Structure formats: C-alpha cells, structure tokens
Amino acid sequence: FWSACAATLARTGAAPVTMERPWRING
C-alpha cells in the first residue's frame, strides 16, 4: 500500500470501483 498502483472503493449496495495509477518510477 505504501507504493500501491491500485485502490478499490466498495460502497454498500454498489459495484466496487478500482482506480489504477501505475508507478512512474518506483512508487
């Protein structure tokens, strides 16, 4: 998580949404 490329928001009653941001260098 300290240098993660993705995060997921899971709202109650809704489909999860994942955002991805690739490393530019090393995180």
PDB file of all heavy atoms in Angstrom:
ATOM      1  N   PHE A   1       0.806  -1.225   0.000  1.00  0.00           N
ATOM      2  CA  PHE A   1       0.000   0.000   0.000  1.00  0.00           C
ATOM      3  C   PHE A   1       0.834   1.267   0.000  1.00  0.00           C
ATOM      4  O   PHE A   1       0.402   2.287  -0.507  1.00  0.00           O
ATOM      5  CB  PHE A   1      -0.978   0.006   1.179  1.00  0.00           C
ATOM      6  CG  PHE A   1      -0.321   0.195   2.520  1.00  0.00           C
ATOM      7  CD1 PHE A   1      -0.100   1.461   3.022  1.00  0.00           C
ATOM      8  CD2 PHE A   1       0.077  -0.900   3.268  1.00  0.00           C
ATOM      9  CE1 PHE A   1       0.515   1.640   4.249  1.00  0.00           C
ATOM     10  CE2 PHE A   1       0.686  -0.728   4.509  1.00  0.00           C
ATOM     11  CZ  PHE A   1       0.905   0.545   4.998  1.00  0.00           C
ATOM     12  N   TRP A   2       2.031   1.235   0.544  1.00  0.00           N
ATOM     13  CA  TRP A   2       2.863   2.437   0.611  1.00  0.00           C
ATOM     14  C   TRP A   2       3.322   2.876  -0.781  1.00  0.00           C
ATOM     15  O   TRP A   2       3.736   4.005  -0.965  1.00  0.00           O
ATOM     16  CB  TRP A   2       4.073   2.229   1.527  1.00  0.00           C
ATOM     17  CG  TRP A   2       4.914   1.054   1.129  1.00  0.00           C
ATOM     18  CD1 TRP A   2       5.956   1.049   0.238  1.00  0.00           C
ATOM     19  CD2 TRP A   2       4.764  -0.288   1.567  1.00  0.00           C
ATOM     20  NE1 TRP A   2       6.458  -0.218   0.095  1.00  0.00           N
ATOM     21  CE2 TRP A   2       5.746  -1.072   0.912  1.00  0.00           C
ATOM     22  CE3 TRP A   2       3.900  -0.928   2.461  1.00  0.00           C
ATOM     23  CZ2 TRP A   2       5.875  -2.437   1.115  1.00  0.00           C
ATOM     24  CZ3 TRP A   2       4.039  -2.281   2.651  1.00  0.00           C
ATOM     25  CH2 TRP A   2       5.024  -3.022   1.981  1.00  0.00           C
ATOM     26  N   SER A   3       3.240   1.977  -1.748  1.00  0.00           N
ATOM     27  CA  SER A   3       3.584   2.333  -3.125  1.00  0.00           C
ATOM     28  C   SER A   3       2.644   1.617  -4.096  1.00  0.00           C
ATOM     29  O   SER A   3       3.040   1.233  -5.189  1.00  0.00           O
ATOM     30  CB  SER A   3       5.038   1.964  -3.419  1.00  0.00           C
ATOM     31  OG  SER A   3       5.223   0.564  -3.309  1.00  0.00           O
ATOM     32  N   ALA A   4       1.390   1.461  -3.681  1.00  0.00           N
ATOM     33  CA  ALA A   4       0.419   0.695  -4.470  1.00  0.00           C
ATOM     34  C   ALA A   4       0.087   1.369  -5.796  1.00  0.00           C
ATOM     35  O   ALA A   4       0.192   2.586  -5.939  1.00  0.00           O
ATOM     36  CB  ALA A   4      -0.861   0.489  -3.665  1.00  0.00           C
ATOM     37  N   CYS A   5      -0.344   0.552  -6.726  1.00  0.00           N
ATOM     38  CA  CYS A   5      -0.775   1.040  -8.034  1.00  0.00           C
ATOM     39  C   CYS A   5      -2.293   1.059  -8.164  1.00  0.00           C
ATOM     40  O   CYS A   5      -2.815   1.520  -9.171  1.00  0.00           O
ATOM     41  CB  CYS A   5      -0.205   0.144  -9.139  1.00  0.00           C
ATOM     42  SG  CYS A   5       1.580   0.204  -9.256  1.00  0.00           S
ATOM     43  N   ALA A   6      -3.012   0.513  -7.163  1.00  0.00           N
ATOM     44  CA  ALA A   6      -4.463   0.422  -7.278  1.00  0.00           C
ATOM     45  C   ALA A   6      -5.126   0.578  -5.915  1.00  0.00           C
ATOM     46  O   ALA A   6      -4.570   0.206  -4.888  1.00  0.00           O
ATOM     47  CB  ALA A   6      -4.849  -0.917  -7.897  1.00  0.00           C
ATOM     48  N   ALA A   7      -6.348   1.130  -5.970  1.00  0.00           N
ATOM     49  CA  ALA A   7      -7.203   1.233  -4.791  1.00  0.00           C
ATOM     50  C   ALA A   7      -8.628   0.946  -5.228  1.00  0.00           C
ATOM     51  O   ALA A   7      -9.032   1.311  -6.339  1.00  0.00           O
ATOM     52  CB  ALA A   7      -7.109   2.615  -4.164  1.00  0.00           C
ATOM     53  N   THR A   8      -9.394   0.283  -4.354  1.00  0.00           N
ATOM     54  CA  THR A   8     -10.769  -0.081  -4.674  1.00  0.00           C
ATOM     55  C   THR A   8     -11.713   0.511  -3.644  1.00  0.00           C
ATOM     56  O   THR A   8     -11.504   0.354  -2.434  1.00  0.00           O
ATOM     57  CB  THR A   8     -10.935  -1.616  -4.714  1.00  0.00           C
ATOM     58  OG1 THR A   8     -10.067  -2.143  -5.713  1.00  0.00           O
ATOM     59  CG2 THR A   8     -12.368  -2.016  -5.031  1.00  0.00           C
ATOM     60  N   LEU A   9     -12.752   1.174  -4.142  1.00  0.00           N
ATOM     61  CA  LEU A   9     -13.831   1.693  -3.313  1.00  0.00           C
ATOM     62  C   LEU A   9     -14.997   0.731  -3.438  1.00  0.00           C
ATOM     63  O   LEU A   9     -15.493   0.475  -4.549  1.00  0.00           O
ATOM     64  CB  LEU A   9     -14.255   3.093  -3.769  1.00  0.00           C
ATOM     65  CG  LEU A   9     -15.524   3.665  -3.137  1.00  0.00           C
ATOM     66  CD1 LEU A   9     -15.355   3.847  -1.633  1.00  0.00           C
ATOM     67  CD2 LEU A   9     -15.904   4.977  -3.802  1.00  0.00           C
ATOM     68  N   ALA A  10     -15.416   0.158  -2.325  1.00  0.00           N
ATOM     69  CA  ALA A  10     -16.558  -0.755  -2.300  1.00  0.00           C
ATOM     70  C   ALA A  10     -17.631  -0.123  -1.419  1.00  0.00           C
ATOM     71  O   ALA A  10     -17.558  -0.190  -0.196  1.00  0.00           O
ATOM     72  CB  ALA A  10     -16.143  -2.121  -1.768  1.00  0.00           C
ATOM     73  N   ARG A  11     -18.615   0.523  -2.059  1.00  0.00           N
ATOM     74  CA  ARG A  11     -19.730   1.139  -1.329  1.00  0.00           C
ATOM     75  C   ARG A  11     -20.805   0.092  -1.079  1.00  0.00           C
ATOM     76  O   ARG A  11     -21.055  -0.764  -1.936  1.00  0.00           O
ATOM     77  CB  ARG A  11     -20.325   2.283  -2.134  1.00  0.00           C
ATOM     78  CG  ARG A  11     -19.435   3.479  -2.211  1.00  0.00           C
ATOM     79  CD  ARG A  11     -20.185   4.638  -2.843  1.00  0.00           C
ATOM     80  NE  ARG A  11     -19.341   5.803  -2.887  1.00  0.00           N
ATOM     81  CZ  ARG A  11     -19.172   6.552  -3.964  1.00  0.00           C
ATOM     82  NH1 ARG A  11     -19.810   6.271  -5.076  1.00  0.00           N
ATOM     83  NH2 ARG A  11     -18.381   7.593  -3.915  1.00  0.00           N
ATOM     84  N   THR A  12     -21.447   0.214   0.051  1.00  0.00           N
ATOM     85  CA  THR A  12     -22.535  -0.693   0.383  1.00  0.00           C
ATOM     86  C   THR A  12     -23.610  -0.608  -0.700  1.00  0.00           C
ATOM     87  O   THR A  12     -24.073   0.470  -1.043  1.00  0.00           O
ATOM     88  CB  THR A  12     -23.130  -0.323   1.757  1.00  0.00           C
ATOM     89  OG1 THR A  12     -22.071  -0.312   2.719  1.00  0.00           O
ATOM     90  CG2 THR A  12     -24.201  -1.307   2.182  1.00  0.00           C
ATOM     91  N   GLY A  13     -23.962  -1.765  -1.266  1.00  0.00           N
ATOM     92  CA  GLY A  13     -25.015  -1.826  -2.268  1.00  0.00           C
ATOM     93  C   GLY A  13     -24.598  -1.417  -3.667  1.00  0.00           C
ATOM     94  O   GLY A  13     -25.443  -1.302  -4.555  1.00  0.00           O
ATOM     95  N   ALA A  14     -23.320  -1.181  -3.922  1.00  0.00           N
ATOM     96  CA  ALA A  14     -22.855  -0.765  -5.244  1.00  0.00           C
ATOM     97  C   ALA A  14     -21.696  -1.655  -5.682  1.00  0.00           C
ATOM     98  O   ALA A  14     -21.018  -2.265  -4.858  1.00  0.00           O
ATOM     99  CB  ALA A  14     -22.403   0.695  -5.220  1.00  0.00           C
ATOM    100  N   ALA A  15     -21.485  -1.703  -6.976  1.00  0.00           N
ATOM    101  CA  ALA A  15     -20.356  -2.473  -7.503  1.00  0.00           C
ATOM    102  C   ALA A  15     -19.046  -1.781  -7.128  1.00  0.00           C
ATOM    103  O   ALA A  15     -18.965  -0.545  -7.149  1.00  0.00           O
ATOM    104  CB  ALA A  15     -20.472  -2.579  -9.023  1.00  0.00           C
ATOM    105  N   PRO A  16     -18.013  -2.547  -6.771  1.00  0.00           N
ATOM    106  CA  PRO A  16     -16.716  -1.944  -6.448  1.00  0.00           C
ATOM    107  C   PRO A  16     -16.130  -1.192  -7.637  1.00  0.00           C
ATOM    108  O   PRO A  16     -16.330  -1.585  -8.786  1.00  0.00           O
ATOM    109  CB  PRO A  16     -15.830  -3.146  -6.093  1.00  0.00           C
ATOM    110  CG  PRO A  16     -16.765  -4.268  -5.832  1.00  0.00           C
ATOM    111  CD  PRO A  16     -18.000  -4.000  -6.632  1.00  0.00           C
ATOM    112  N   VAL A  17     -15.414  -0.118  -7.340  1.00  0.00           N
ATOM    113  CA  VAL A  17     -14.744   0.683  -8.357  1.00  0.00           C
ATOM    114  C   VAL A  17     -13.255   0.685  -8.026  1.00  0.00           C
ATOM    115  O   VAL A  17     -12.870   1.044  -6.910  1.00  0.00           O
ATOM    116  CB  VAL A  17     -15.284   2.133  -8.374  1.00  0.00           C
ATOM    117  CG1 VAL A  17     -14.518   2.972  -9.371  1.00  0.00           C
ATOM    118  CG2 VAL A  17     -16.774   2.145  -8.660  1.00  0.00           C
ATOM    119  N   THR A  18     -12.430   0.288  -8.982  1.00  0.00           N
ATOM    120  CA  THR A  18     -10.982   0.256  -8.772  1.00  0.00           C
ATOM    121  C   THR A  18     -10.331   1.331  -9.625  1.00  0.00           C
ATOM    122  O   THR A  18     -10.628   1.456 -10.812  1.00  0.00           O
ATOM    123  CB  THR A  18     -10.398  -1.126  -9.126  1.00  0.00           C
ATOM    124  OG1 THR A  18     -10.987  -2.097  -8.261  1.00  0.00           O
ATOM    125  CG2 THR A  18      -8.883  -1.145  -8.952  1.00  0.00           C
ATOM    126  N   MET A  19      -9.458   2.102  -9.008  1.00  0.00           N
ATOM    127  CA  MET A  19      -8.650   3.094  -9.721  1.00  0.00           C
ATOM    128  C   MET A  19      -7.223   2.575  -9.767  1.00  0.00           C
ATOM    129  O   MET A  19      -6.716   2.069  -8.763  1.00  0.00           O
ATOM    130  CB  MET A  19      -8.682   4.439  -8.993  1.00  0.00           C
ATOM    131  CG  MET A  19     -10.029   5.107  -9.006  1.00  0.00           C
ATOM    132  SD  MET A  19      -9.982   6.720  -8.212  1.00  0.00           S
ATOM    133  CE  MET A  19      -8.801   7.580  -9.235  1.00  0.00           C
ATOM    134  N   GLU A  20      -6.603   2.709 -10.913  1.00  0.00           N
ATOM    135  CA  GLU A  20      -5.216   2.283 -11.062  1.00  0.00           C
ATOM    136  C   GLU A  20      -4.365   3.447 -11.527  1.00  0.00           C
ATOM    137  O   GLU A  20      -4.771   4.222 -12.389  1.00  0.00           O
ATOM    138  CB  GLU A  20      -5.117   1.124 -12.051  1.00  0.00           C
ATOM    139  CG  GLU A  20      -5.802  -0.116 -11.538  1.00  0.00           C
ATOM    140  CD  GLU A  20      -5.580  -1.323 -12.431  1.00  0.00           C
ATOM    141  OE1 GLU A  20      -4.557  -1.362 -13.150  1.00  0.00           O
ATOM    142  OE2 GLU A  20      -6.428  -2.217 -12.390  1.00  0.00           O
ATOM    143  N   ARG A  21      -3.206   3.591 -10.919  1.00  0.00           N
ATOM    144  CA  ARG A  21      -2.225   4.602 -11.289  1.00  0.00           C
ATOM    145  C   ARG A  21      -0.861   3.926 -11.256  1.00  0.00           C
ATOM    146  O   ARG A  21      -0.324   3.656 -10.187  1.00  0.00           O
ATOM    147  CB  ARG A  21      -2.219   5.779 -10.297  1.00  0.00           C
ATOM    148  CG  ARG A  21      -3.498   6.554 -10.209  1.00  0.00           C
ATOM    149  CD  ARG A  21      -3.686   7.397 -11.482  1.00  0.00           C
ATOM    150  NE  ARG A  21      -4.830   8.273 -11.382  1.00  0.00           N
ATOM    151  CZ  ARG A  21      -6.067   7.960 -11.758  1.00  0.00           C
ATOM    152  NH1 ARG A  21      -6.316   6.760 -12.228  1.00  0.00           N
ATOM    153  NH2 ARG A  21      -7.047   8.814 -11.660  1.00  0.00           N
ATOM    154  N   PRO A  22      -0.318   3.592 -12.415  1.00  0.00           N
ATOM    155  CA  PRO A  22       0.969   2.883 -12.431  1.00  0.00           C
ATOM    156  C   PRO A  22       2.102   3.759 -11.907  1.00  0.00           C
ATOM    157  O   PRO A  22       2.031   4.981 -11.939  1.00  0.00           O
ATOM    158  CB  PRO A  22       1.170   2.544 -13.910  1.00  0.00           C
ATOM    159  CG  PRO A  22       0.333   3.531 -14.649  1.00  0.00           C
ATOM    160  CD  PRO A  22      -0.817   3.894 -13.748  1.00  0.00           C
ATOM    161  N   TRP A  23       3.116   3.095 -11.408  1.00  0.00           N
ATOM    162  CA  TRP A  23       4.306   3.813 -10.967  1.00  0.00           C
ATOM    163  C   TRP A  23       4.910   4.537 -12.154  1.00  0.00           C
ATOM    164  O   TRP A  23       4.940   4.028 -13.266  1.00  0.00           O
ATOM    165  CB  TRP A  23       5.375   2.863 -10.454  1.00  0.00           C
ATOM    166  CG  TRP A  23       5.045   2.110  -9.230  1.00  0.00           C
ATOM    167  CD1 TRP A  23       4.017   2.318  -8.357  1.00  0.00           C
ATOM    168  CD2 TRP A  23       5.772   0.991  -8.728  1.00  0.00           C
ATOM    169  NE1 TRP A  23       4.058   1.413  -7.352  1.00  0.00           N
ATOM    170  CE2 TRP A  23       5.137   0.583  -7.549  1.00  0.00           C
ATOM    171  CE3 TRP A  23       6.891   0.322  -9.153  1.00  0.00           C
ATOM    172  CZ2 TRP A  23       5.595  -0.480  -6.792  1.00  0.00           C
ATOM    173  CZ3 TRP A  23       7.348  -0.738  -8.399  1.00  0.00           C
ATOM    174  CH2 TRP A  23       6.701  -1.126  -7.234  1.00  0.00           C
ATOM    175  N   ARG A  24       5.443   5.713 -11.890  1.00  0.00           N
ATOM    176  CA  ARG A  24       6.247   6.392 -12.907  1.00  0.00           C
ATOM    177  C   ARG A  24       7.701   5.998 -12.746  1.00  0.00           C
ATOM    178  O   ARG A  24       8.460   5.968 -13.699  1.00  0.00           O
ATOM    179  CB  ARG A  24       6.096   7.912 -12.782  1.00  0.00           C
ATOM    180  CG  ARG A  24       4.729   8.391 -13.250  1.00  0.00           C
ATOM    181  CD  ARG A  24       4.575   9.889 -13.119  1.00  0.00           C
ATOM    182  NE  ARG A  24       4.521  10.254 -11.711  1.00  0.00           N
ATOM    183  CZ  ARG A  24       5.322  11.152 -11.130  1.00  0.00           C
ATOM    184  NH1 ARG A  24       6.224  11.806 -11.811  1.00  0.00           N
ATOM    185  NH2 ARG A  24       5.208  11.411  -9.848  1.00  0.00           N
ATOM    186  N   ILE A  25       8.103   5.711 -11.496  1.00  0.00           N
ATOM    187  CA  ILE A  25       9.497   5.348 -11.225  1.00  0.00           C
ATOM    188  C   ILE A  25       9.523   4.087 -10.360  1.00  0.00           C
ATOM    189  O   ILE A  25       9.814   3.013 -10.834  1.00  0.00           O
ATOM    190  CB  ILE A  25      10.261   6.495 -10.514  1.00  0.00           C
ATOM    191  CG1 ILE A  25      10.201   7.776 -11.353  1.00  0.00           C
ATOM    192  CG2 ILE A  25      11.706   6.099 -10.230  1.00  0.00           C
ATOM    193  CD1 ILE A  25      10.666   9.020 -10.628  1.00  0.00           C
ATOM    194  N   ASN A  26       9.214   4.233  -9.070  1.00  0.00           N
ATOM    195  CA  ASN A  26       9.302   3.100  -8.147  1.00  0.00           C
ATOM    196  C   ASN A  26       8.219   3.114  -7.069  1.00  0.00           C
ATOM    197  O   ASN A  26       8.277   2.349  -6.125  1.00  0.00           O
ATOM    198  CB  ASN A  26      10.683   3.063  -7.482  1.00  0.00           C
ATOM    199  CG  ASN A  26      10.943   4.294  -6.639  1.00  0.00           C
ATOM    200  OD1 ASN A  26      10.090   5.170  -6.491  1.00  0.00           O
ATOM    201  ND2 ASN A  26      12.136   4.375  -6.094  1.00  0.00           N
ATOM    202  N   GLY A  27       7.240   3.987  -7.181  1.00  0.00           N
ATOM    203  CA  GLY A  27       6.187   4.087  -6.180  1.00  0.00           C
ATOM    204  C   GLY A  27       6.484   5.110  -5.102  1.00  0.00           C
ATOM    205  O   GLY A  27       5.601   5.493  -4.338  1.00  0.00           O
TER     206      GLY A  27
END
